[in-house]
Amino acid sequence: MNPGTINRRDLMTASLSAAGLSALSLPQAAFAQAGDLPLTPSCDNRAGLTKRQTEGPYFTPSSPRKRDLRGDGPGETMALSGFVLNRRCQPLAGALVDLWHADAAGAYDNVGFGFRGHQFSDAQGRYQFITRVPGLYPGRTRHFHVKVRAGAGPVLTTQLYFPGDAGNARDGIFDSALLMKIEPAEGGRLGRFDFVVAT
């Protein structure tokens, strides 16, 4: 390939880092680091579907449509960004992405909608949440819960994990295929995960 040529993977990575991250309210140094995060699936060939995992006991339907969950409680700020893709690594616009997780103390809000929200991927298939790093609770490692649905396709229910977390080895359902790419940044962390879903 000509060194001056930009392929689709480079273009997608650049567009994600440039467009969505400016809304994070993290210092500018955080934005620059986002461009270094690689795509989770390989987009050179057909990608395998993202692995499914249990919903767990704490899902609440009809979460509010919001991407900024920082107002739901204290803790370390984390931006989670990525693409929703089909098996041919094509971005999917308008896909539902529903996120929920424990607060910094490891507790879920089972009465209201604390640390719960959904959004729809944009025209380039991008999604982004800004939230807090979830705390730990007995028996589980640190994780996010996510549901993703593109069009009339099936709902993908899964969980995302933190690389290097001490609880990963002890968690019976931990799966390394669901590790996020995480970079430290001034003011918080930048996380990346791309979902590959059936349509």
N, C-alpha and C. Protein backbone atom coordinates (compact mmCIF):
# COMPACT_ATOMS: atom_id res chain seq x y z
N MET A 1 0.85 -1.19 0.00
CA MET A 1 0.00 0.00 0.00
C MET A 1 0.88 1.24 0.00
N ASN A 2 0.50 2.24 -0.75
CA ASN A 2 1.21 3.51 -0.79
C ASN A 2 1.20 4.15 0.60
N PRO A 3 2.35 4.57 1.15
CA PRO A 3 2.39 5.15 2.49
C PRO A 3 1.48 6.36 2.64
N GLY A 4 1.15 7.04 1.56
CA GLY A 4 0.29 8.21 1.66
C GLY A 4 -1.19 7.87 1.60
N THR A 5 -1.51 6.60 1.37
CA THR A 5 -2.90 6.18 1.24
C THR A 5 -3.49 5.90 2.62
N ILE A 6 -4.71 6.35 2.84
CA ILE A 6 -5.41 6.08 4.10
C ILE A 6 -6.43 4.99 3.82
N ASN A 7 -6.35 3.86 4.56
CA ASN A 7 -7.33 2.81 4.37
C ASN A 7 -8.54 3.05 5.26
N ARG A 8 -9.55 2.19 5.11
CA ARG A 8 -10.80 2.40 5.84
C ARG A 8 -10.59 2.34 7.36
N ARG A 9 -9.73 1.43 7.82
CA ARG A 9 -9.48 1.32 9.25
C ARG A 9 -8.90 2.63 9.80
N ASP A 10 -7.91 3.20 9.07
CA ASP A 10 -7.31 4.47 9.51
C ASP A 10 -8.34 5.59 9.53
N LEU A 11 -9.16 5.61 8.49
CA LEU A 11 -10.18 6.66 8.40
C LEU A 11 -11.18 6.56 9.53
N MET A 12 -11.60 5.33 9.85
CA MET A 12 -12.57 5.14 10.93
C MET A 12 -11.97 5.55 12.27
N THR A 13 -10.73 5.15 12.50
CA THR A 13 -10.08 5.50 13.77
C THR A 13 -9.93 7.01 13.90
N ALA A 14 -9.52 7.66 12.83
CA ALA A 14 -9.34 9.10 12.86
C ALA A 14 -10.65 9.82 13.07
N SER A 15 -11.71 9.36 12.41
CA SER A 15 -12.99 10.04 12.54
C SER A 15 -13.57 9.88 13.94
N LEU A 16 -13.34 8.72 14.54
CA LEU A 16 -13.83 8.51 15.90
C LEU A 16 -13.12 9.44 16.88
N SER A 17 -11.80 9.50 16.77
CA SER A 17 -11.06 10.29 17.74
C SER A 17 -11.31 11.78 17.56
N ALA A 18 -11.51 12.22 16.34
CA ALA A 18 -11.67 13.65 16.10
C ALA A 18 -13.07 14.14 16.41
N ALA A 19 -14.08 13.35 16.08
CA ALA A 19 -15.44 13.85 16.17
C ALA A 19 -16.03 13.74 17.56
N GLY A 20 -16.05 12.53 18.11
CA GLY A 20 -16.79 12.35 19.35
C GLY A 20 -16.08 12.83 20.59
N LEU A 21 -14.76 12.73 20.63
CA LEU A 21 -14.05 12.99 21.87
C LEU A 21 -14.04 14.45 22.28
N SER A 22 -14.34 15.35 21.37
CA SER A 22 -14.32 16.76 21.74
C SER A 22 -15.43 17.10 22.72
N ALA A 23 -16.42 16.22 22.85
CA ALA A 23 -17.53 16.49 23.76
C ALA A 23 -17.30 15.93 25.15
N LEU A 24 -16.12 15.37 25.42
CA LEU A 24 -15.91 14.66 26.68
C LEU A 24 -15.64 15.55 27.87
N SER A 25 -15.21 16.76 27.66
CA SER A 25 -14.81 17.64 28.75
C SER A 25 -13.61 17.10 29.52
N LEU A 26 -12.80 16.28 28.90
CA LEU A 26 -11.52 15.88 29.45
C LEU A 26 -10.47 16.82 28.87
N PRO A 27 -9.34 16.98 29.53
CA PRO A 27 -8.30 17.84 28.99
C PRO A 27 -7.88 17.41 27.59
N GLN A 28 -7.34 18.36 26.82
CA GLN A 28 -6.98 18.12 25.42
C GLN A 28 -6.00 16.97 25.27
N ALA A 29 -5.16 16.74 26.27
CA ALA A 29 -4.20 15.63 26.19
C ALA A 29 -4.91 14.29 26.02
N ALA A 30 -6.11 14.17 26.57
CA ALA A 30 -6.87 12.93 26.45
C ALA A 30 -7.30 12.68 25.03
N PHE A 31 -7.65 13.74 24.31
CA PHE A 31 -8.13 13.58 22.93
C PHE A 31 -7.03 13.02 22.03
N ALA A 32 -5.81 13.50 22.22
CA ALA A 32 -4.70 13.08 21.37
C ALA A 32 -4.41 11.60 21.52
N GLN A 33 -4.61 11.06 22.73
CA GLN A 33 -4.31 9.66 22.96
C GLN A 33 -5.32 8.74 22.29
N ALA A 34 -6.52 9.22 22.05
CA ALA A 34 -7.58 8.37 21.51
C ALA A 34 -7.24 7.84 20.13
N GLY A 35 -6.53 8.61 19.34
CA GLY A 35 -6.20 8.18 17.99
C GLY A 35 -5.27 6.99 17.96
N ASP A 36 -4.60 6.69 19.07
CA ASP A 36 -3.68 5.57 19.12
C ASP A 36 -4.37 4.25 19.45
N LEU A 37 -5.65 4.30 19.82
CA LEU A 37 -6.34 3.07 20.19
C LEU A 37 -6.74 2.30 18.93
N PRO A 38 -6.31 1.05 18.82
CA PRO A 38 -6.64 0.28 17.61
C PRO A 38 -8.08 -0.21 17.64
N LEU A 39 -8.59 -0.59 16.49
CA LEU A 39 -9.89 -1.23 16.43
C LEU A 39 -9.81 -2.57 17.14
N THR A 40 -10.87 -2.93 17.85
CA THR A 40 -10.88 -4.22 18.53
C THR A 40 -10.96 -5.38 17.54
N PRO A 41 -11.95 -5.40 16.61
CA PRO A 41 -11.92 -6.48 15.61
C PRO A 41 -10.96 -6.13 14.48
N SER A 42 -10.49 -7.14 13.78
CA SER A 42 -9.71 -6.89 12.58
C SER A 42 -10.67 -6.63 11.43
N CYS A 43 -10.52 -5.50 10.78
CA CYS A 43 -11.41 -5.14 9.69
C CYS A 43 -10.79 -5.44 8.33
N ASP A 44 -9.73 -6.24 8.30
CA ASP A 44 -9.15 -6.62 7.03
C ASP A 44 -9.96 -7.73 6.37
N ASN A 45 -10.63 -8.52 7.17
CA ASN A 45 -11.44 -9.63 6.68
C ASN A 45 -12.78 -9.61 7.39
N ARG A 46 -13.54 -10.66 7.22
CA ARG A 46 -14.82 -10.76 7.94
C ARG A 46 -14.53 -10.89 9.43
N ALA A 47 -15.26 -10.18 10.22
CA ALA A 47 -15.05 -10.20 11.67
C ALA A 47 -16.01 -11.17 12.33
N GLY A 48 -15.56 -11.80 13.39
CA GLY A 48 -16.44 -12.66 14.18
C GLY A 48 -17.37 -11.81 15.03
N LEU A 49 -18.54 -12.34 15.31
CA LEU A 49 -19.50 -11.63 16.15
C LEU A 49 -18.95 -11.46 17.56
N THR A 50 -19.29 -10.36 18.19
CA THR A 50 -18.91 -10.14 19.59
C THR A 50 -19.58 -11.20 20.45
N LYS A 51 -18.83 -11.74 21.39
CA LYS A 51 -19.35 -12.81 22.25
C LYS A 51 -20.48 -12.32 23.14
N ARG A 52 -21.43 -13.19 23.32
CA ARG A 52 -22.56 -12.92 24.22
C ARG A 52 -22.18 -13.30 25.64
N GLN A 53 -22.78 -12.60 26.60
CA GLN A 53 -22.64 -12.98 28.00
C GLN A 53 -23.96 -12.71 28.72
N THR A 54 -24.05 -13.23 29.91
CA THR A 54 -25.28 -13.10 30.68
C THR A 54 -25.63 -11.64 30.96
N GLU A 55 -26.91 -11.38 30.98
CA GLU A 55 -27.42 -10.04 31.32
C GLU A 55 -27.18 -9.72 32.78
N GLY A 56 -27.20 -10.75 33.64
CA GLY A 56 -27.08 -10.52 35.07
C GLY A 56 -28.41 -10.10 35.67
N PRO A 57 -28.47 -9.96 36.98
CA PRO A 57 -29.74 -9.68 37.65
C PRO A 57 -30.13 -8.21 37.71
N TYR A 58 -29.30 -7.30 37.20
CA TYR A 58 -29.53 -5.88 37.47
C TYR A 58 -29.94 -5.05 36.26
N PHE A 59 -30.36 -5.68 35.18
CA PHE A 59 -30.81 -4.91 34.02
C PHE A 59 -32.16 -4.27 34.31
N THR A 60 -32.32 -3.00 33.89
CA THR A 60 -33.59 -2.29 33.97
C THR A 60 -33.93 -1.79 32.58
N PRO A 61 -35.09 -2.19 32.03
CA PRO A 61 -35.44 -1.71 30.68
C PRO A 61 -35.81 -0.23 30.68
N SER A 62 -35.89 0.34 29.51
CA SER A 62 -36.31 1.73 29.30
C SER A 62 -35.38 2.73 29.96
N SER A 63 -34.08 2.53 29.81
CA SER A 63 -33.13 3.50 30.35
C SER A 63 -33.27 4.82 29.61
N PRO A 64 -32.85 5.92 30.23
CA PRO A 64 -32.94 7.22 29.55
C PRO A 64 -31.94 7.30 28.39
N ARG A 65 -32.28 8.12 27.42
CA ARG A 65 -31.36 8.34 26.30
C ARG A 65 -30.35 9.40 26.72
N LYS A 66 -29.16 8.95 27.09
CA LYS A 66 -28.10 9.87 27.50
C LYS A 66 -26.76 9.19 27.34
N ARG A 67 -25.75 10.00 27.04
CA ARG A 67 -24.40 9.47 26.88
C ARG A 67 -23.48 9.90 28.01
N ASP A 68 -23.84 10.95 28.74
CA ASP A 68 -23.00 11.45 29.84
C ASP A 68 -23.62 11.01 31.16
N LEU A 69 -22.98 10.05 31.83
CA LEU A 69 -23.50 9.48 33.07
C LEU A 69 -22.76 10.00 34.30
N ARG A 70 -21.88 10.97 34.12
CA ARG A 70 -21.07 11.44 35.25
C ARG A 70 -21.89 12.03 36.36
N GLY A 71 -23.06 12.58 36.05
CA GLY A 71 -23.90 13.17 37.08
C GLY A 71 -24.56 12.15 37.99
N ASP A 72 -24.40 10.86 37.68
CA ASP A 72 -25.05 9.82 38.48
C ASP A 72 -24.26 9.45 39.72
N GLY A 73 -23.05 9.97 39.88
CA GLY A 73 -22.29 9.68 41.08
C GLY A 73 -20.82 10.01 40.91
N PRO A 74 -20.08 9.95 42.02
CA PRO A 74 -18.64 10.27 41.97
C PRO A 74 -17.83 9.10 41.42
N GLY A 75 -16.56 9.38 41.18
CA GLY A 75 -15.64 8.34 40.74
C GLY A 75 -14.73 8.84 39.64
N GLU A 76 -13.85 7.96 39.20
CA GLU A 76 -12.91 8.30 38.14
C GLU A 76 -13.63 8.36 36.80
N THR A 77 -13.39 9.42 36.05
CA THR A 77 -14.04 9.59 34.75
C THR A 77 -13.46 8.62 33.72
N MET A 78 -14.36 8.08 32.91
CA MET A 78 -13.94 7.20 31.82
C MET A 78 -14.81 7.44 30.61
N ALA A 79 -14.17 7.60 29.46
CA ALA A 79 -14.88 7.69 28.19
C ALA A 79 -14.78 6.34 27.51
N LEU A 80 -15.93 5.80 27.08
CA LEU A 80 -15.97 4.54 26.35
C LEU A 80 -16.50 4.83 24.96
N SER A 81 -15.71 4.53 23.95
CA SER A 81 -16.05 4.84 22.57
C SER A 81 -15.82 3.63 21.68
N GLY A 82 -16.43 3.66 20.52
CA GLY A 82 -16.19 2.61 19.55
C GLY A 82 -17.17 2.66 18.40
N PHE A 83 -17.19 1.60 17.62
CA PHE A 83 -18.08 1.46 16.49
C PHE A 83 -19.01 0.27 16.69
N VAL A 84 -20.16 0.32 16.06
CA VAL A 84 -21.01 -0.85 15.89
C VAL A 84 -20.85 -1.26 14.43
N LEU A 85 -20.42 -2.50 14.20
CA LEU A 85 -20.07 -3.00 12.87
C LEU A 85 -20.84 -4.27 12.54
N ASN A 86 -21.01 -4.54 11.24
CA ASN A 86 -21.54 -5.84 10.85
C ASN A 86 -20.37 -6.79 10.60
N ARG A 87 -20.65 -8.02 10.18
CA ARG A 87 -19.60 -9.02 10.02
C ARG A 87 -18.61 -8.66 8.92
N ARG A 88 -18.99 -7.78 8.02
CA ARG A 88 -18.08 -7.34 6.96
C ARG A 88 -17.33 -6.08 7.38
N CYS A 89 -17.39 -5.75 8.67
CA CYS A 89 -16.71 -4.58 9.24
C CYS A 89 -17.24 -3.27 8.68
N GLN A 90 -18.49 -3.25 8.27
CA GLN A 90 -19.12 -2.02 7.81
C GLN A 90 -19.82 -1.35 8.99
N PRO A 91 -19.63 -0.06 9.19
CA PRO A 91 -20.27 0.64 10.31
C PRO A 91 -21.79 0.63 10.16
N LEU A 92 -22.48 0.51 11.29
CA LEU A 92 -23.94 0.46 11.31
C LEU A 92 -24.48 1.71 11.99
N ALA A 93 -25.19 2.52 11.24
CA ALA A 93 -25.80 3.73 11.80
C ALA A 93 -27.10 3.36 12.52
N GLY A 94 -27.43 4.13 13.54
CA GLY A 94 -28.71 3.98 14.22
C GLY A 94 -28.83 2.75 15.09
N ALA A 95 -27.72 2.10 15.44
CA ALA A 95 -27.78 0.92 16.31
C ALA A 95 -27.97 1.36 17.76
N LEU A 96 -28.82 0.66 18.47
CA LEU A 96 -29.05 0.93 19.89
C LEU A 96 -27.87 0.39 20.70
N VAL A 97 -27.33 1.21 21.59
CA VAL A 97 -26.27 0.79 22.52
C VAL A 97 -26.74 1.19 23.91
N ASP A 98 -27.01 0.21 24.76
CA ASP A 98 -27.55 0.42 26.11
C ASP A 98 -26.49 -0.02 27.11
N LEU A 99 -26.08 0.88 28.00
CA LEU A 99 -24.99 0.63 28.96
C LEU A 99 -25.53 0.74 30.38
N TRP A 100 -25.10 -0.17 31.25
CA TRP A 100 -25.38 -0.03 32.68
C TRP A 100 -24.24 -0.67 33.47
N HIS A 101 -24.02 -0.14 34.67
CA HIS A 101 -22.93 -0.66 35.50
C HIS A 101 -23.07 -0.20 36.94
N ALA A 102 -22.26 -0.80 37.81
CA ALA A 102 -22.25 -0.45 39.23
C ALA A 102 -21.61 0.92 39.42
N ASP A 103 -21.92 1.53 40.55
CA ASP A 103 -21.28 2.81 40.89
C ASP A 103 -19.89 2.55 41.46
N ALA A 104 -19.22 3.60 41.91
CA ALA A 104 -17.84 3.47 42.39
C ALA A 104 -17.73 2.58 43.62
N ALA A 105 -18.83 2.41 44.36
CA ALA A 105 -18.84 1.55 45.55
C ALA A 105 -19.24 0.12 45.22
N GLY A 106 -19.53 -0.17 43.95
CA GLY A 106 -19.91 -1.52 43.57
C GLY A 106 -21.39 -1.80 43.67
N ALA A 107 -22.23 -0.77 43.82
CA ALA A 107 -23.67 -0.96 43.96
C ALA A 107 -24.40 -0.53 42.69
N TYR A 108 -25.46 -1.24 42.35
CA TYR A 108 -26.32 -0.88 41.22
C TYR A 108 -27.52 -0.10 41.72
N ASP A 109 -27.97 0.86 40.93
CA ASP A 109 -29.20 1.58 41.22
C ASP A 109 -30.35 0.76 40.65
N ASN A 110 -31.06 0.05 41.51
CA ASN A 110 -32.17 -0.79 41.08
C ASN A 110 -33.53 -0.14 41.30
N VAL A 111 -33.51 1.14 41.65
CA VAL A 111 -34.75 1.89 41.85
C VAL A 111 -34.91 2.93 40.74
N GLY A 112 -33.81 3.62 40.43
CA GLY A 112 -33.82 4.64 39.39
C GLY A 112 -32.94 4.22 38.22
N PHE A 113 -32.31 5.21 37.61
CA PHE A 113 -31.50 4.95 36.42
C PHE A 113 -30.08 5.46 36.58
N GLY A 114 -29.53 5.37 37.80
CA GLY A 114 -28.14 5.75 38.02
C GLY A 114 -27.19 4.84 37.25
N PHE A 115 -26.28 5.43 36.53
CA PHE A 115 -25.31 4.72 35.69
C PHE A 115 -26.01 3.75 34.73
N ARG A 116 -27.06 4.28 34.12
CA ARG A 116 -27.80 3.56 33.08
C ARG A 116 -28.16 4.56 31.99
N GLY A 117 -27.92 4.19 30.75
CA GLY A 117 -28.29 5.07 29.65
C GLY A 117 -28.13 4.37 28.32
N HIS A 118 -28.80 4.92 27.32
CA HIS A 118 -28.65 4.37 25.98
C HIS A 118 -28.49 5.49 24.97
N GLN A 119 -28.04 5.13 23.79
CA GLN A 119 -27.89 6.05 22.67
C GLN A 119 -27.95 5.24 21.39
N PHE A 120 -27.88 5.95 20.26
CA PHE A 120 -27.88 5.30 18.96
C PHE A 120 -26.61 5.70 18.22
N SER A 121 -25.99 4.73 17.57
CA SER A 121 -24.76 5.03 16.83
C SER A 121 -25.04 6.07 15.75
N ASP A 122 -24.04 6.90 15.46
CA ASP A 122 -24.22 7.98 14.50
C ASP A 122 -24.09 7.45 13.06
N ALA A 123 -24.07 8.36 12.11
CA ALA A 123 -24.05 7.97 10.69
C ALA A 123 -22.81 7.16 10.32
N GLN A 124 -21.72 7.29 11.09
CA GLN A 124 -20.50 6.52 10.86
C GLN A 124 -20.42 5.28 11.75
N GLY A 125 -21.50 4.97 12.45
CA GLY A 125 -21.52 3.79 13.31
C GLY A 125 -20.87 3.98 14.66
N ARG A 126 -20.57 5.22 15.03
CA ARG A 126 -19.86 5.49 16.28
C ARG A 126 -20.82 5.64 17.46
N TYR A 127 -20.35 5.21 18.63
CA TYR A 127 -21.06 5.48 19.88
C TYR A 127 -20.04 6.00 20.88
N GLN A 128 -20.51 6.65 21.92
CA GLN A 128 -19.61 7.12 22.96
C GLN A 128 -20.38 7.41 24.24
N PHE A 129 -19.88 6.90 25.36
CA PHE A 129 -20.39 7.24 26.69
C PHE A 129 -19.27 7.88 27.47
N ILE A 130 -19.61 8.78 28.35
CA ILE A 130 -18.66 9.26 29.34
C ILE A 130 -19.29 8.98 30.69
N THR A 131 -18.57 8.25 31.52
CA THR A 131 -19.16 7.74 32.75
C THR A 131 -18.09 7.68 33.84
N ARG A 132 -18.30 6.84 34.82
CA ARG A 132 -17.33 6.63 35.91
C ARG A 132 -16.86 5.18 35.87
N VAL A 133 -15.66 4.93 36.34
CA VAL A 133 -15.16 3.57 36.44
C VAL A 133 -15.97 2.84 37.50
N PRO A 134 -16.57 1.70 37.16
CA PRO A 134 -17.39 0.98 38.15
C PRO A 134 -16.54 0.38 39.26
N GLY A 135 -17.16 0.26 40.43
CA GLY A 135 -16.48 -0.37 41.56
C GLY A 135 -16.66 -1.87 41.53
N LEU A 136 -16.05 -2.52 42.50
CA LEU A 136 -16.10 -3.98 42.61
C LEU A 136 -17.16 -4.40 43.61
N TYR A 137 -17.70 -5.58 43.40
CA TYR A 137 -18.58 -6.18 44.40
C TYR A 137 -18.26 -7.66 44.47
N PRO A 138 -18.61 -8.34 45.56
CA PRO A 138 -18.17 -9.73 45.77
C PRO A 138 -18.53 -10.65 44.62
N GLY A 139 -17.54 -11.45 44.22
CA GLY A 139 -17.75 -12.47 43.22
C GLY A 139 -17.53 -12.04 41.78
N ARG A 140 -17.38 -10.75 41.51
CA ARG A 140 -17.21 -10.28 40.14
C ARG A 140 -16.00 -9.38 40.01
N THR A 141 -15.46 -9.35 38.81
CA THR A 141 -14.41 -8.40 38.47
C THR A 141 -15.07 -7.12 37.97
N ARG A 142 -14.30 -6.09 37.75
CA ARG A 142 -14.84 -4.82 37.26
C ARG A 142 -15.35 -4.98 35.82
N HIS A 143 -16.54 -4.44 35.52
CA HIS A 143 -17.12 -4.66 34.19
C HIS A 143 -18.23 -3.66 33.89
N PHE A 144 -18.52 -3.52 32.61
CA PHE A 144 -19.69 -2.82 32.10
C PHE A 144 -20.64 -3.86 31.50
N HIS A 145 -21.94 -3.61 31.60
CA HIS A 145 -22.95 -4.40 30.89
C HIS A 145 -23.40 -3.60 29.68
N VAL A 146 -23.65 -4.30 28.58
CA VAL A 146 -24.08 -3.62 27.35
C VAL A 146 -25.07 -4.50 26.59
N LYS A 147 -26.06 -3.84 26.00
CA LYS A 147 -26.94 -4.46 25.00
C LYS A 147 -26.80 -3.64 23.72
N VAL A 148 -26.69 -4.34 22.59
CA VAL A 148 -26.55 -3.67 21.30
C VAL A 148 -27.52 -4.33 20.32
N ARG A 149 -28.21 -3.48 19.56
CA ARG A 149 -29.12 -4.01 18.53
C ARG A 149 -29.07 -3.10 17.31
N ALA A 150 -28.85 -3.70 16.16
CA ALA A 150 -28.83 -2.95 14.90
C ALA A 150 -30.07 -3.31 14.10
N GLY A 151 -30.90 -2.32 13.83
CA GLY A 151 -32.11 -2.54 13.04
C GLY A 151 -33.00 -3.59 13.67
N ALA A 152 -33.46 -4.53 12.84
CA ALA A 152 -34.33 -5.60 13.32
C ALA A 152 -33.53 -6.84 13.72
N GLY A 153 -32.21 -6.72 13.79
CA GLY A 153 -31.38 -7.85 14.16
C GLY A 153 -31.56 -8.26 15.61
N PRO A 154 -30.97 -9.38 16.00
CA PRO A 154 -31.08 -9.83 17.39
C PRO A 154 -30.32 -8.92 18.35
N VAL A 155 -30.75 -8.91 19.59
CA VAL A 155 -30.08 -8.13 20.63
C VAL A 155 -28.82 -8.88 21.08
N LEU A 156 -27.70 -8.18 21.07
CA LEU A 156 -26.47 -8.71 21.65
C LEU A 156 -26.41 -8.24 23.09
N THR A 157 -26.34 -9.16 24.03
CA THR A 157 -26.14 -8.84 25.44
C THR A 157 -24.77 -9.34 25.83
N THR A 158 -23.95 -8.46 26.41
CA THR A 158 -22.60 -8.87 26.74
C THR A 158 -22.06 -8.02 27.89
N GLN A 159 -20.80 -8.25 28.24
CA GLN A 159 -20.12 -7.48 29.27
C GLN A 159 -18.73 -7.12 28.77
N LEU A 160 -18.21 -5.99 29.22
CA LEU A 160 -16.88 -5.54 28.83
C LEU A 160 -15.99 -5.48 30.07
N TYR A 161 -14.74 -5.88 29.88
CA TYR A 161 -13.83 -6.01 31.01
C TYR A 161 -12.61 -5.10 30.91
N PHE A 162 -11.98 -4.88 32.06
CA PHE A 162 -10.84 -3.99 32.19
C PHE A 162 -9.55 -4.81 32.17
N PRO A 163 -8.64 -4.53 31.25
CA PRO A 163 -7.38 -5.29 31.21
C PRO A 163 -6.56 -5.07 32.48
N GLY A 164 -5.96 -6.14 32.94
CA GLY A 164 -5.08 -6.05 34.11
C GLY A 164 -5.80 -6.00 35.44
N ASP A 165 -7.13 -6.07 35.46
CA ASP A 165 -7.86 -6.04 36.72
C ASP A 165 -7.58 -7.32 37.50
N ALA A 166 -7.26 -7.19 38.78
CA ALA A 166 -6.88 -8.34 39.60
C ALA A 166 -8.00 -9.37 39.69
N GLY A 167 -9.25 -8.93 39.58
CA GLY A 167 -10.37 -9.86 39.71
C GLY A 167 -10.65 -10.70 38.48
N ASN A 168 -10.02 -10.39 37.35
CA ASN A 168 -10.31 -11.12 36.12
C ASN A 168 -10.08 -12.62 36.26
N ALA A 169 -8.96 -13.00 36.89
CA ALA A 169 -8.60 -14.41 37.01
C ALA A 169 -9.56 -15.17 37.92
N ARG A 170 -10.23 -14.47 38.83
CA ARG A 170 -11.13 -15.13 39.78
C ARG A 170 -12.58 -15.14 39.33
N ASP A 171 -12.90 -14.39 38.28
CA ASP A 171 -14.28 -14.25 37.84
C ASP A 171 -14.63 -15.40 36.90
N GLY A 172 -15.67 -16.17 37.25
CA GLY A 172 -16.03 -17.36 36.50
C GLY A 172 -16.54 -17.10 35.10
N ILE A 173 -17.01 -15.88 34.79
CA ILE A 173 -17.51 -15.63 33.44
C ILE A 173 -16.63 -14.66 32.65
N PHE A 174 -15.55 -14.21 33.25
CA PHE A 174 -14.63 -13.32 32.53
C PHE A 174 -14.19 -13.96 31.22
N ASP A 175 -14.12 -13.16 30.15
CA ASP A 175 -13.68 -13.63 28.85
C ASP A 175 -12.73 -12.59 28.27
N SER A 176 -11.51 -13.00 27.97
CA SER A 176 -10.51 -12.05 27.48
C SER A 176 -10.89 -11.47 26.12
N ALA A 177 -11.79 -12.12 25.38
CA ALA A 177 -12.24 -11.57 24.10
C ALA A 177 -13.05 -10.30 24.27
N LEU A 178 -13.48 -10.03 25.50
CA LEU A 178 -14.31 -8.86 25.79
C LEU A 178 -13.55 -7.79 26.56
N LEU A 179 -12.23 -7.85 26.51
CA LEU A 179 -11.41 -6.81 27.15
C LEU A 179 -11.46 -5.53 26.32
N MET A 180 -11.68 -4.42 26.98
CA MET A 180 -11.58 -3.12 26.32
C MET A 180 -10.12 -2.77 26.12
N LYS A 181 -9.84 -1.90 25.17
CA LYS A 181 -8.54 -1.25 25.06
C LYS A 181 -8.64 0.01 25.91
N ILE A 182 -7.76 0.17 26.87
CA ILE A 182 -7.84 1.33 27.77
C ILE A 182 -6.51 2.04 27.82
N GLU A 183 -6.59 3.37 27.71
CA GLU A 183 -5.42 4.23 27.81
C GLU A 183 -5.63 5.20 28.96
N PRO A 184 -4.62 5.40 29.81
CA PRO A 184 -4.75 6.46 30.82
C PRO A 184 -4.71 7.82 30.14
N ALA A 185 -5.40 8.77 30.72
CA ALA A 185 -5.42 10.12 30.17
C ALA A 185 -5.53 11.10 31.32
N GLU A 186 -5.01 12.29 31.12
CA GLU A 186 -5.15 13.32 32.13
C GLU A 186 -6.64 13.57 32.34
N GLY A 187 -7.11 13.39 33.56
CA GLY A 187 -8.52 13.60 33.86
C GLY A 187 -9.35 12.34 33.82
N GLY A 188 -8.75 11.18 33.48
CA GLY A 188 -9.54 9.95 33.45
C GLY A 188 -8.92 8.88 32.59
N ARG A 189 -9.76 8.03 32.04
CA ARG A 189 -9.32 6.94 31.17
C ARG A 189 -10.10 7.01 29.86
N LEU A 190 -9.45 6.53 28.79
CA LEU A 190 -10.09 6.41 27.49
C LEU A 190 -10.23 4.92 27.18
N GLY A 191 -11.45 4.46 27.00
CA GLY A 191 -11.71 3.06 26.69
C GLY A 191 -12.23 2.91 25.28
N ARG A 192 -11.95 1.76 24.67
CA ARG A 192 -12.37 1.51 23.29
C ARG A 192 -12.84 0.08 23.15
N PHE A 193 -14.01 -0.10 22.53
CA PHE A 193 -14.47 -1.44 22.17
C PHE A 193 -15.41 -1.30 20.99
N ASP A 194 -15.20 -2.12 19.96
CA ASP A 194 -16.06 -2.13 18.78
C ASP A 194 -16.92 -3.40 18.82
N PHE A 195 -18.21 -3.24 18.64
CA PHE A 195 -19.13 -4.37 18.66
C PHE A 195 -19.37 -4.84 17.23
N VAL A 196 -19.33 -6.14 17.03
CA VAL A 196 -19.67 -6.74 15.75
C VAL A 196 -20.96 -7.52 15.98
N VAL A 197 -22.03 -7.13 15.28
CA VAL A 197 -23.34 -7.69 15.57
C VAL A 197 -23.99 -8.27 14.31
N ALA A 198 -24.92 -9.18 14.52
CA ALA A 198 -25.71 -9.73 13.43
C ALA A 198 -26.76 -8.72 13.03
N THR A 199 -27.09 -8.66 11.75
CA THR A 199 -28.10 -7.73 11.28
C THR A 199 -29.22 -8.47 10.54
